[in-house]
Amino acid sequence: MRFEVEIGGRKLVLKRGDITAEEVDAIV
């Protein structure tokens, strides 16, 4: 499972396990 996060016009594809949902919330 993977999800994409758009930050500053950049699209990051994160693999599940590399980063937690909480960390994603923190950077978004």
PDB file of N, CA and C in Angstrom:
ATOM      1  N   MET A   1       0.837  -1.199   0.000  1.00  0.00           N
ATOM      2  CA  MET A   1       0.000   0.000   0.000  1.00  0.00           C
ATOM      3  C   MET A   1       0.871   1.246   0.000  1.00  0.00           C
ATOM      4  N   ARG A   2       0.518   2.193  -0.823  1.00  0.00           N
ATOM      5  CA  ARG A   2       1.264   3.447  -0.848  1.00  0.00           C
ATOM      6  C   ARG A   2       0.322   4.613  -1.068  1.00  0.00           C
ATOM      7  N   PHE A   3       0.739   5.770  -0.652  1.00  0.00           N
ATOM      8  CA  PHE A   3      -0.118   6.931  -0.786  1.00  0.00           C
ATOM      9  C   PHE A   3       0.734   8.114  -1.219  1.00  0.00           C
ATOM     10  N   GLU A   4       0.104   9.093  -1.856  1.00  0.00           N
ATOM     11  CA  GLU A   4       0.842  10.246  -2.358  1.00  0.00           C
ATOM     12  C   GLU A   4       0.522  11.485  -1.533  1.00  0.00           C
ATOM     13  N   VAL A   5       1.541  12.261  -1.268  1.00  0.00           N
ATOM     14  CA  VAL A   5       1.367  13.497  -0.517  1.00  0.00           C
ATOM     15  C   VAL A   5       1.954  14.636  -1.340  1.00  0.00           C
ATOM     16  N   GLU A   6       1.172  15.684  -1.518  1.00  0.00           N
ATOM     17  CA  GLU A   6       1.662  16.812  -2.296  1.00  0.00           C
ATOM     18  C   GLU A   6       2.142  17.907  -1.351  1.00  0.00           C
ATOM     19  N   ILE A   7       3.408  18.269  -1.463  1.00  0.00           N
ATOM     20  CA  ILE A   7       3.991  19.281  -0.583  1.00  0.00           C
ATOM     21  C   ILE A   7       4.723  20.328  -1.422  1.00  0.00           C
ATOM     22  N   GLY A   8       4.282  21.568  -1.324  1.00  0.00           N
ATOM     23  CA  GLY A   8       4.954  22.644  -2.051  1.00  0.00           C
ATOM     24  C   GLY A   8       5.005  22.385  -3.541  1.00  0.00           C
ATOM     25  N   GLY A   9       3.938  21.796  -4.092  1.00  0.00           N
ATOM     26  CA  GLY A   9       3.905  21.523  -5.522  1.00  0.00           C
ATOM     27  C   GLY A   9       4.629  20.238  -5.872  1.00  0.00           C
ATOM     28  N   ARG A  10       5.257  19.621  -4.889  1.00  0.00           N
ATOM     29  CA  ARG A  10       5.969  18.357  -5.131  1.00  0.00           C
ATOM     30  C   ARG A  10       5.096  17.192  -4.744  1.00  0.00           C
ATOM     31  N   LYS A  11       5.112  16.178  -5.528  1.00  0.00           N
ATOM     32  CA  LYS A  11       4.302  14.996  -5.226  1.00  0.00           C
ATOM     33  C   LYS A  11       5.225  13.891  -4.738  1.00  0.00           C
ATOM     34  N   LEU A  12       5.022  13.489  -3.496  1.00  0.00           N
ATOM     35  CA  LEU A  12       5.868  12.443  -2.934  1.00  0.00           C
ATOM     36  C   LEU A  12       5.089  11.149  -2.834  1.00  0.00           C
ATOM     37  N   VAL A  13       5.677  10.102  -3.357  1.00  0.00           N
ATOM     38  CA  VAL A  13       5.030   8.794  -3.251  1.00  0.00           C
ATOM     39  C   VAL A  13       5.683   8.053  -2.094  1.00  0.00           C
ATOM     40  N   LEU A  14       4.897   7.839  -1.058  1.00  0.00           N
ATOM     41  CA  LEU A  14       5.446   7.203   0.132  1.00  0.00           C
ATOM     42  C   LEU A  14       4.995   5.764   0.224  1.00  0.00           C
ATOM     43  N   LYS A  15       5.939   4.907   0.528  1.00  0.00           N
ATOM     44  CA  LYS A  15       5.591   3.493   0.702  1.00  0.00           C
ATOM     45  C   LYS A  15       5.187   3.257   2.147  1.00  0.00           C
ATOM     46  N   ARG A  16       4.187   2.453   2.337  1.00  0.00           N
ATOM     47  CA  ARG A  16       3.721   2.136   3.683  1.00  0.00           C
ATOM     48  C   ARG A  16       4.863   1.483   4.452  1.00  0.00           C
ATOM     49  N   GLY A  17       5.189   2.053   5.599  1.00  0.00           N
ATOM     50  CA  GLY A  17       6.269   1.505   6.409  1.00  0.00           C
ATOM     51  C   GLY A  17       7.449   2.468   6.436  1.00  0.00           C
ATOM     52  N   ASP A  18       7.641   3.221   5.355  1.00  0.00           N
ATOM     53  CA  ASP A  18       8.726   4.193   5.322  1.00  0.00           C
ATOM     54  C   ASP A  18       8.389   5.380   6.214  1.00  0.00           C
ATOM     55  N   ILE A  19       7.099   5.684   6.305  1.00  0.00           N
ATOM     56  CA  ILE A  19       6.656   6.830   7.098  1.00  0.00           C
ATOM     57  C   ILE A  19       5.287   6.506   7.661  1.00  0.00           C
ATOM     58  N   THR A  20       5.041   6.994   8.856  1.00  0.00           N
ATOM     59  CA  THR A  20       3.764   6.685   9.492  1.00  0.00           C
ATOM     60  C   THR A  20       2.724   7.731   9.137  1.00  0.00           C
ATOM     61  N   ALA A  21       1.471   7.391   9.324  1.00  0.00           N
ATOM     62  CA  ALA A  21       0.382   8.312   9.029  1.00  0.00           C
ATOM     63  C   ALA A  21       0.514   9.571   9.889  1.00  0.00           C
ATOM     64  N   GLU A  22       0.989   9.411  11.109  1.00  0.00           N
ATOM     65  CA  GLU A  22       1.155  10.559  11.993  1.00  0.00           C
ATOM     66  C   GLU A  22       2.214  11.506  11.451  1.00  0.00           C
ATOM     67  N   GLU A  23       3.275  10.971  10.903  1.00  0.00           N
ATOM     68  CA  GLU A  23       4.334  11.801  10.339  1.00  0.00           C
ATOM     69  C   GLU A  23       3.824  12.547   9.118  1.00  0.00           C
ATOM     70  N   VAL A  24       2.972  11.888   8.345  1.00  0.00           N
ATOM     71  CA  VAL A  24       2.392  12.536   7.170  1.00  0.00           C
ATOM     72  C   VAL A  24       1.527  13.704   7.609  1.00  0.00           C
ATOM     73  N   ASP A  25       0.734  13.511   8.646  1.00  0.00           N
ATOM     74  CA  ASP A  25      -0.110  14.589   9.162  1.00  0.00           C
ATOM     75  C   ASP A  25       0.754  15.756   9.630  1.00  0.00           C
ATOM     76  N   ALA A  26       1.906  15.451  10.171  1.00  0.00           N
ATOM     77  CA  ALA A  26       2.783  16.487  10.701  1.00  0.00           C
ATOM     78  C   ALA A  26       3.369  17.347   9.587  1.00  0.00           C
ATOM     79  N   ILE A  27       3.720  16.731   8.458  1.00  0.00           N
ATOM     80  CA  ILE A  27       4.329  17.492   7.365  1.00  0.00           C
ATOM     81  C   ILE A  27       3.294  18.134   6.465  1.00  0.00           C
ATOM     82  N   VAL A  28       2.056  17.664   6.538  1.00  0.00           N
ATOM     83  CA  VAL A  28       0.978  18.258   5.730  1.00  0.00           C
ATOM     84  C   VAL A  28       0.331  19.364   6.545  1.00  0.00           C
TER      85      VAL A  28
END
